[in-house]
Amino acid sequence: MPTSHRKPLAAVLGALTLAATLTACGGGSAASDADVVTVYSADGLKGETGDGWYDQVFKDFEKDTGIKVAYVEGGSGEVVQRAVREKNNVQADVLVTLPPFIQQADGKGLLQKYTPAGADQVGGADKAANGTWTSVVNNYFGFIYNKKELPQPPTTWEQLLDSDYRGKLQYSTPGVAGDGTAVVIKALHDFGGEQPAMEYLGRLQANNVGPSASTGKLGPKVDKGELHIANGDVQMSYAQSRTMPNIGIWFPAREGGTPTTFALPYAAGLVTDAPHSDNGKKLLDYLLSAKAQQQVSEIGGGFSARQDIKATDETAIALTTLMDGVEIFEPDWNDIDRNLTKYVDAWRSATGS
């Protein structure tokens, strides 16, 4: 995938319910352990069965450094909100989330300046100009479908309005889940503005199962056939498809138009007043190391954030093929940053959610 297409997000809202999972963490408080680093991260990079990119990288990091990783996972916005609540008693060392939430975290003073080793190989659009965050895994927004139930997947937004999808379609909640907010962002682009986008999403609500705080939980439902269509993102959905063979990835287009998507990278920063700042720096360096970045596609199902890493593994080739013919646009992130709350409120009004 040409690196020139990899654009940053501005901030994507995350899951309301935070699932706290401490991995490779010994007894006692993480903050009291000198040989620990605490990571607050949006979901998607840790495998369902311990086979994800985080699983491998954290294991290698602990082996190489002796530093254990305490891992707390949640939605893109919720991990930021948790860090906000803890500003007077900071617990996290590293924050990983999607745009525009990484920008939101920076704006709230949650991130300190640190340039990880290898960041010079990350494109300027994929890191903060002020040095507070850097993308560690590039990614793109997409939808998924059940290949068994739908041998011929839909190709357009308009097809999703068909009554055949009633009760078989679900997307995660905008303003709560990162990929759910991405549904609104893509609709704003594809339909040409707020009014037509909200009119469409209001009509689509007749088929929507209802709210979901987690995008990742929709994948298993699609694989089992409980759902036929759901939202996701390329990295997470591709990783899920390895153990969920009925999942296929697609990108909706307007009727008569071209399928579109936009970049949704995982961006990482060092937390202000981190209790284990030095350990946090070491982990950020490790996440951007050539070894870890080479594993992004092969293990994680994503795209390396480094321009000098040219993955040639089977997954990298498959991902490149998947993205062929898909138009990659860059949202107006200044507009999204200013008006995100307004857009989410408009979505709630249009859908009655």
Protein backbone atom coordinates (compact mmCIF):
# COMPACT_ATOMS: atom_id res chain seq x y z
CA MET A 1 0.00 0.00 0.00
CA PRO A 2 1.56 3.32 -1.00
CA THR A 3 2.55 5.23 2.12
CA SER A 4 1.31 8.46 0.57
CA HIS A 5 -2.23 7.17 1.07
CA ARG A 6 -1.79 6.66 4.80
CA LYS A 7 -3.47 9.61 6.42
CA PRO A 8 -4.02 10.10 10.15
CA LEU A 9 -7.42 10.21 11.83
CA ALA A 10 -8.31 12.99 14.15
CA ALA A 11 -10.11 11.17 16.96
CA VAL A 12 -12.45 8.22 17.06
CA LEU A 13 -14.78 7.59 19.95
CA GLY A 14 -14.29 4.36 21.84
CA ALA A 15 -16.18 1.74 23.73
CA LEU A 16 -18.13 2.90 26.77
CA THR A 17 -17.41 -0.22 28.74
CA LEU A 18 -13.73 -0.70 29.49
CA ALA A 19 -12.54 -4.28 29.63
CA ALA A 20 -9.54 -4.31 31.93
CA THR A 21 -7.13 -7.09 31.12
CA LEU A 22 -3.72 -7.28 32.74
CA THR A 23 -1.41 -9.43 30.69
CA ALA A 24 2.02 -10.62 31.74
CA CYS A 25 1.55 -8.77 34.99
CA GLY A 26 2.65 -10.09 38.33
CA GLY A 27 0.84 -9.58 41.60
CA GLY A 28 0.26 -6.18 43.16
CA SER A 29 -0.38 -2.78 41.66
CA ALA A 30 1.18 -2.11 38.29
CA ALA A 31 2.04 1.43 39.36
CA SER A 32 4.09 0.10 42.30
CA ASP A 33 6.20 -2.28 40.21
CA ALA A 34 9.42 -0.80 38.83
CA ASP A 35 9.65 -3.52 36.18
CA VAL A 36 6.27 -2.91 34.57
CA VAL A 37 4.80 -0.69 31.89
CA THR A 38 1.07 -0.02 31.81
CA VAL A 39 -0.61 0.31 28.42
CA TYR A 40 -4.10 1.70 27.88
CA SER A 41 -5.13 0.70 24.36
CA ALA A 42 -8.04 0.65 21.94
CA ASP A 43 -9.03 -2.91 21.07
CA GLY A 44 -8.03 -4.72 17.89
CA LEU A 45 -4.32 -5.47 18.27
CA LYS A 46 -4.60 -8.21 20.86
CA GLY A 47 -5.68 -11.61 19.60
CA GLU A 48 -8.80 -13.44 20.69
CA THR A 49 -6.69 -16.49 21.53
CA GLY A 50 -3.34 -14.92 22.33
CA ASP A 51 -2.22 -14.82 18.70
CA GLY A 52 -2.34 -11.07 18.00
CA TRP A 53 0.37 -8.52 17.31
CA TYR A 54 0.34 -7.24 20.87
CA ASP A 55 0.61 -10.80 22.21
CA GLN A 56 3.80 -11.42 20.25
CA VAL A 57 5.36 -7.99 20.74
CA PHE A 58 4.66 -7.86 24.47
CA LYS A 59 6.09 -11.36 24.90
CA ASP A 60 9.25 -10.43 23.00
CA PHE A 61 9.53 -7.11 24.86
CA GLU A 62 9.36 -8.79 28.26
CA LYS A 63 11.90 -11.41 27.20
CA ASP A 64 14.33 -8.79 25.88
CA THR A 65 13.95 -6.20 28.64
CA GLY A 66 12.56 -7.96 31.71
CA ILE A 67 9.75 -5.39 31.81
CA LYS A 68 6.24 -6.80 32.16
CA VAL A 69 3.32 -5.27 30.30
CA ALA A 70 0.13 -4.47 32.21
CA TYR A 71 -2.51 -4.18 29.52
CA VAL A 72 -5.87 -2.38 29.83
CA GLU A 73 -8.14 -2.52 26.78
CA GLY A 74 -11.21 -0.51 25.90
CA GLY A 75 -12.81 1.56 23.18
CA SER A 76 -10.90 4.37 21.55
CA GLY A 77 -12.65 7.13 23.46
CA GLU A 78 -13.01 5.30 26.75
CA VAL A 79 -9.29 4.73 27.22
CA VAL A 80 -8.81 8.47 26.76
CA GLN A 81 -11.59 9.27 29.22
CA ARG A 82 -10.10 6.89 31.76
CA ALA A 83 -6.75 8.65 31.44
CA VAL A 84 -8.53 12.00 31.91
CA ARG A 85 -10.15 10.78 35.12
CA GLU A 86 -6.76 9.66 36.41
CA LYS A 87 -4.85 12.88 35.66
CA ASN A 88 -4.30 13.49 39.37
CA ASN A 89 -3.28 9.86 39.96
CA VAL A 90 -1.72 8.74 36.70
CA GLN A 91 -1.73 4.97 36.15
CA ALA A 92 -0.95 4.56 32.45
CA ASP A 93 2.48 4.91 30.87
CA VAL A 94 1.54 4.47 27.21
CA LEU A 95 -1.73 5.38 25.50
CA VAL A 96 -2.70 3.81 22.15
CA THR A 97 -5.88 4.94 20.44
CA LEU A 98 -7.36 5.90 17.08
CA PRO A 99 -7.74 9.37 15.64
CA PRO A 100 -9.31 11.70 16.37
CA PHE A 101 -8.96 10.48 19.96
CA ILE A 102 -5.18 10.60 19.95
CA GLN A 103 -5.47 14.27 19.00
CA GLN A 104 -8.10 14.69 21.69
CA ALA A 105 -5.75 13.16 24.26
CA ASP A 106 -3.01 15.55 23.17
CA GLY A 107 -5.36 18.50 23.43
CA LYS A 108 -6.24 17.52 26.99
CA GLY A 109 -2.58 17.48 27.99
CA LEU A 110 -2.47 13.71 28.45
CA LEU A 111 0.64 13.17 26.31
CA GLN A 112 4.23 14.30 26.74
CA LYS A 113 6.74 14.78 23.96
CA TYR A 114 8.78 11.74 23.05
CA THR A 115 10.13 10.67 19.66
CA PRO A 116 10.56 6.88 19.55
CA ALA A 117 13.48 5.33 17.73
CA GLY A 118 12.30 4.62 14.19
CA ALA A 119 9.84 7.54 14.13
CA ASP A 120 11.96 9.16 11.42
CA GLN A 121 10.66 6.41 9.11
CA VAL A 122 7.00 7.30 9.86
CA GLY A 123 5.34 9.65 7.39
CA GLY A 124 4.67 13.19 8.56
CA ALA A 125 0.90 12.73 8.29
CA ASP A 126 1.07 9.74 10.65
CA LYS A 127 2.67 11.47 13.63
CA ALA A 128 2.13 14.63 15.65
CA ALA A 129 3.99 17.71 14.52
CA ASN A 130 4.69 18.52 18.17
CA GLY A 131 6.17 15.07 18.89
CA THR A 132 3.51 13.76 21.29
CA TRP A 133 2.30 10.70 19.33
CA THR A 134 3.31 8.41 16.51
CA SER A 135 1.32 5.83 14.55
CA VAL A 136 2.51 2.29 15.29
CA VAL A 137 0.09 0.34 13.06
CA ASN A 138 -1.58 1.76 9.97
CA ASN A 139 -5.12 0.67 9.30
CA TYR A 140 -8.26 1.46 7.28
CA PHE A 141 -11.96 1.51 8.01
CA GLY A 142 -14.17 -1.14 6.44
CA PHE A 143 -17.24 -3.35 6.74
CA ILE A 144 -17.53 -7.12 7.08
CA TYR A 145 -20.03 -9.68 5.79
CA ASN A 146 -20.77 -13.38 6.23
CA LYS A 147 -19.35 -15.14 3.16
CA LYS A 148 -21.45 -18.26 3.73
CA GLU A 149 -24.78 -16.45 3.98
CA LEU A 150 -23.92 -13.89 1.30
CA PRO A 151 -21.91 -15.51 -1.51
CA GLN A 152 -22.32 -12.21 -3.38
CA PRO A 153 -21.73 -9.40 -0.86
CA PRO A 154 -23.41 -6.02 -1.18
CA THR A 155 -21.36 -3.28 -2.80
CA THR A 156 -23.35 -0.13 -2.02
CA TRP A 157 -24.84 1.73 0.91
CA GLU A 158 -28.20 1.65 -0.86
CA GLN A 159 -28.31 -2.14 -0.89
CA LEU A 160 -28.13 -2.20 2.90
CA LEU A 161 -31.59 -0.61 3.03
CA ASP A 162 -33.12 -3.82 1.64
CA SER A 163 -35.51 -5.48 4.08
CA ASP A 164 -33.54 -8.72 3.74
CA TYR A 165 -30.99 -7.19 6.09
CA ARG A 166 -33.51 -6.38 8.82
CA GLY A 167 -32.18 -7.77 12.09
CA LYS A 168 -29.05 -9.00 10.30
CA LEU A 169 -27.10 -5.74 10.24
CA GLN A 170 -25.35 -3.98 13.10
CA TYR A 171 -22.73 -1.29 13.48
CA SER A 172 -21.08 -0.18 16.69
CA THR A 173 -22.33 2.98 18.32
CA PRO A 174 -21.00 6.34 17.11
CA GLY A 175 -19.74 8.43 19.98
CA VAL A 176 -18.96 5.26 21.90
CA ALA A 177 -16.98 2.96 19.60
CA GLY A 178 -14.17 4.15 17.35
CA ASP A 179 -15.27 2.22 14.28
CA GLY A 180 -18.85 3.26 14.99
CA THR A 181 -17.84 6.89 14.80
CA ALA A 182 -16.04 6.03 11.58
CA VAL A 183 -19.40 4.98 10.08
CA VAL A 184 -20.58 8.58 10.52
CA ILE A 185 -17.32 9.99 9.13
CA LYS A 186 -17.53 7.82 6.01
CA ALA A 187 -21.23 8.62 5.52
CA LEU A 188 -20.51 12.36 5.78
CA HIS A 189 -17.97 11.95 2.98
CA ASP A 190 -19.85 9.53 0.74
CA PHE A 191 -23.22 11.30 0.93
CA GLY A 192 -21.72 14.78 0.66
CA GLY A 193 -22.65 16.36 3.96
CA GLU A 194 -24.45 16.11 7.26
CA GLN A 195 -28.07 16.30 6.09
CA PRO A 196 -27.96 13.55 3.42
CA ALA A 197 -25.73 11.36 5.61
CA MET A 198 -28.11 11.55 8.55
CA GLU A 199 -31.13 11.03 6.32
CA TYR A 200 -29.55 7.79 5.06
CA LEU A 201 -28.51 6.57 8.53
CA GLY A 202 -32.01 7.30 9.76
CA ARG A 203 -33.43 5.02 7.04
CA LEU A 204 -30.81 2.35 7.74
CA GLN A 205 -31.88 2.22 11.37
CA ALA A 206 -34.86 0.04 10.41
CA ASN A 207 -32.39 -2.78 9.72
CA ASN A 208 -29.93 -2.06 12.54
CA VAL A 209 -29.99 -4.54 15.44
CA GLY A 210 -29.11 -1.79 17.89
CA PRO A 211 -26.27 -0.34 19.92
CA SER A 212 -22.94 -2.07 20.48
CA ALA A 213 -20.15 -0.58 22.57
CA SER A 214 -17.57 -2.88 20.99
CA THR A 215 -16.85 -3.31 17.29
CA GLY A 216 -14.68 -6.35 17.96
CA LYS A 217 -17.62 -8.28 19.39
CA LEU A 218 -19.51 -7.99 16.09
CA GLY A 219 -16.99 -10.14 14.21
CA PRO A 220 -17.91 -13.42 15.95
CA LYS A 221 -21.61 -12.66 15.35
CA VAL A 222 -21.00 -12.22 11.64
CA ASP A 223 -18.90 -15.38 11.48
CA LYS A 224 -21.70 -17.40 13.12
CA GLY A 225 -24.35 -15.93 10.84
CA GLU A 226 -26.21 -14.10 13.61
CA LEU A 227 -25.38 -10.99 11.60
CA HIS A 228 -24.81 -10.75 7.87
CA ILE A 229 -23.29 -7.25 7.86
CA ALA A 230 -21.32 -5.25 10.44
CA ASN A 231 -18.67 -2.57 10.58
CA GLY A 232 -15.03 -3.13 11.44
CA ASP A 233 -11.60 -2.12 10.26
CA VAL A 234 -9.16 -3.89 7.97
CA GLN A 235 -6.59 -4.86 10.60
CA MET A 236 -9.00 -6.18 13.18
CA SER A 237 -11.32 -7.85 10.67
CA TYR A 238 -8.47 -9.52 8.80
CA ALA A 239 -6.98 -10.79 12.05
CA GLN A 240 -10.39 -12.15 13.10
CA SER A 241 -10.89 -13.86 9.75
CA ARG A 242 -7.95 -16.16 10.48
CA THR A 243 -10.02 -17.99 13.08
CA MET A 244 -13.44 -16.90 11.79
CA PRO A 245 -13.44 -18.15 8.18
CA ASN A 246 -16.86 -16.79 7.25
CA ILE A 247 -15.77 -13.15 7.62
CA GLY A 248 -15.18 -11.16 4.42
CA ILE A 249 -14.16 -7.49 4.18
CA TRP A 250 -15.75 -4.90 1.88
CA PHE A 251 -16.02 -1.13 1.42
CA PRO A 252 -19.42 0.44 0.67
CA ALA A 253 -19.80 2.78 -2.29
CA ARG A 254 -22.60 5.08 -3.29
CA GLU A 255 -24.74 3.57 -6.02
CA GLY A 256 -22.82 4.00 -9.28
CA GLY A 257 -19.74 5.21 -7.40
CA THR A 258 -16.38 3.94 -6.19
CA PRO A 259 -15.81 2.14 -2.86
CA THR A 260 -14.09 4.41 -0.34
CA THR A 261 -12.25 4.24 2.93
CA PHE A 262 -9.95 6.34 5.08
CA ALA A 263 -6.98 5.72 7.36
CA LEU A 264 -7.65 4.62 10.91
CA PRO A 265 -4.19 4.11 12.44
CA TYR A 266 -3.33 3.01 15.94
CA ALA A 267 -1.33 5.91 17.37
CA ALA A 268 0.74 5.74 20.55
CA GLY A 269 2.05 8.34 22.95
CA LEU A 270 3.83 8.59 26.28
CA VAL A 271 1.45 9.65 29.05
CA THR A 272 2.17 12.87 30.91
CA ASP A 273 3.61 12.16 34.38
CA ALA A 274 3.71 8.45 33.56
CA PRO A 275 4.71 6.46 36.68
CA HIS A 276 7.18 4.43 34.61
CA SER A 277 8.19 6.93 31.95
CA ASP A 278 11.49 5.23 31.07
CA ASN A 279 9.73 1.88 30.60
CA GLY A 280 7.11 3.60 28.47
CA LYS A 281 9.83 5.03 26.23
CA LYS A 282 11.40 1.60 25.86
CA LEU A 283 8.06 0.08 24.84
CA LEU A 284 7.38 2.82 22.29
CA ASP A 285 10.82 2.23 20.81
CA TYR A 286 10.05 -1.49 20.67
CA LEU A 287 6.67 -1.03 18.99
CA LEU A 288 8.39 0.90 16.18
CA SER A 289 11.39 -1.42 15.94
CA ALA A 290 12.04 -3.06 12.57
CA LYS A 291 11.34 -6.49 14.08
CA ALA A 292 7.94 -5.52 15.50
CA GLN A 293 6.95 -3.55 12.40
CA GLN A 294 7.82 -6.49 10.15
CA GLN A 295 5.30 -8.53 12.17
CA VAL A 296 2.45 -6.03 11.75
CA SER A 297 1.05 -7.67 8.63
CA GLU A 298 2.19 -11.26 9.18
CA ILE A 299 0.85 -11.48 12.74
CA GLY A 300 -1.39 -8.45 13.21
CA GLY A 301 -3.10 -8.24 9.83
CA GLY A 302 -2.30 -4.53 9.58
CA PHE A 303 0.00 -2.17 7.71
CA SER A 304 3.43 -1.16 8.99
CA ALA A 305 3.69 2.45 10.14
CA ARG A 306 7.29 2.62 8.91
CA GLN A 307 7.92 3.55 5.29
CA ASP A 308 11.15 1.54 5.16
CA ILE A 309 9.42 -1.74 6.04
CA LYS A 310 8.37 -3.49 2.85
CA ALA A 311 6.39 -6.52 3.96
CA THR A 312 6.22 -9.30 1.40
CA ASP A 313 4.51 -11.99 3.46
CA GLU A 314 1.31 -13.65 2.30
CA THR A 315 -0.86 -11.40 4.45
CA ALA A 316 0.77 -8.22 3.15
CA ILE A 317 0.09 -9.34 -0.42
CA ALA A 318 -3.53 -10.18 0.44
CA LEU A 319 -4.03 -6.80 2.10
CA THR A 320 -2.63 -4.97 -0.91
CA THR A 321 -5.01 -6.89 -3.17
CA LEU A 322 -7.93 -6.13 -0.83
CA MET A 323 -7.29 -2.40 -1.12
CA ASP A 324 -7.01 -2.39 -4.93
CA GLY A 325 -9.62 -0.11 -6.48
CA VAL A 326 -10.62 1.48 -3.17
CA GLU A 327 -10.48 5.27 -3.05
CA ILE A 328 -8.74 6.51 0.09
CA PHE A 329 -9.91 9.94 1.21
CA GLU A 330 -8.70 12.16 4.02
CA PRO A 331 -11.45 13.56 6.23
CA ASP A 332 -11.40 17.21 7.21
CA TRP A 333 -10.11 16.48 10.70
CA ASN A 334 -10.25 20.11 11.79
CA ASP A 335 -13.98 20.05 11.04
CA ILE A 336 -14.42 16.67 12.77
CA ASP A 337 -12.49 17.86 15.81
CA ARG A 338 -14.68 20.96 16.11
CA ASN A 339 -18.00 19.31 15.33
CA LEU A 340 -17.74 15.69 16.46
CA THR A 341 -20.22 16.14 19.29
CA LYS A 342 -22.65 17.85 16.91
CA TYR A 343 -22.39 15.03 14.39
CA VAL A 344 -22.94 12.37 17.03
CA ASP A 345 -25.95 14.28 18.38
CA ALA A 346 -27.31 14.54 14.81
CA TRP A 347 -26.88 10.77 14.42
CA ARG A 348 -28.77 10.15 17.67
CA SER A 349 -31.57 12.43 16.53
CA ALA A 350 -31.77 10.81 13.08
CA THR A 351 -31.82 7.26 14.42
CA GLY A 352 -33.71 7.77 17.66
CA SER A 353 -30.79 6.24 19.56
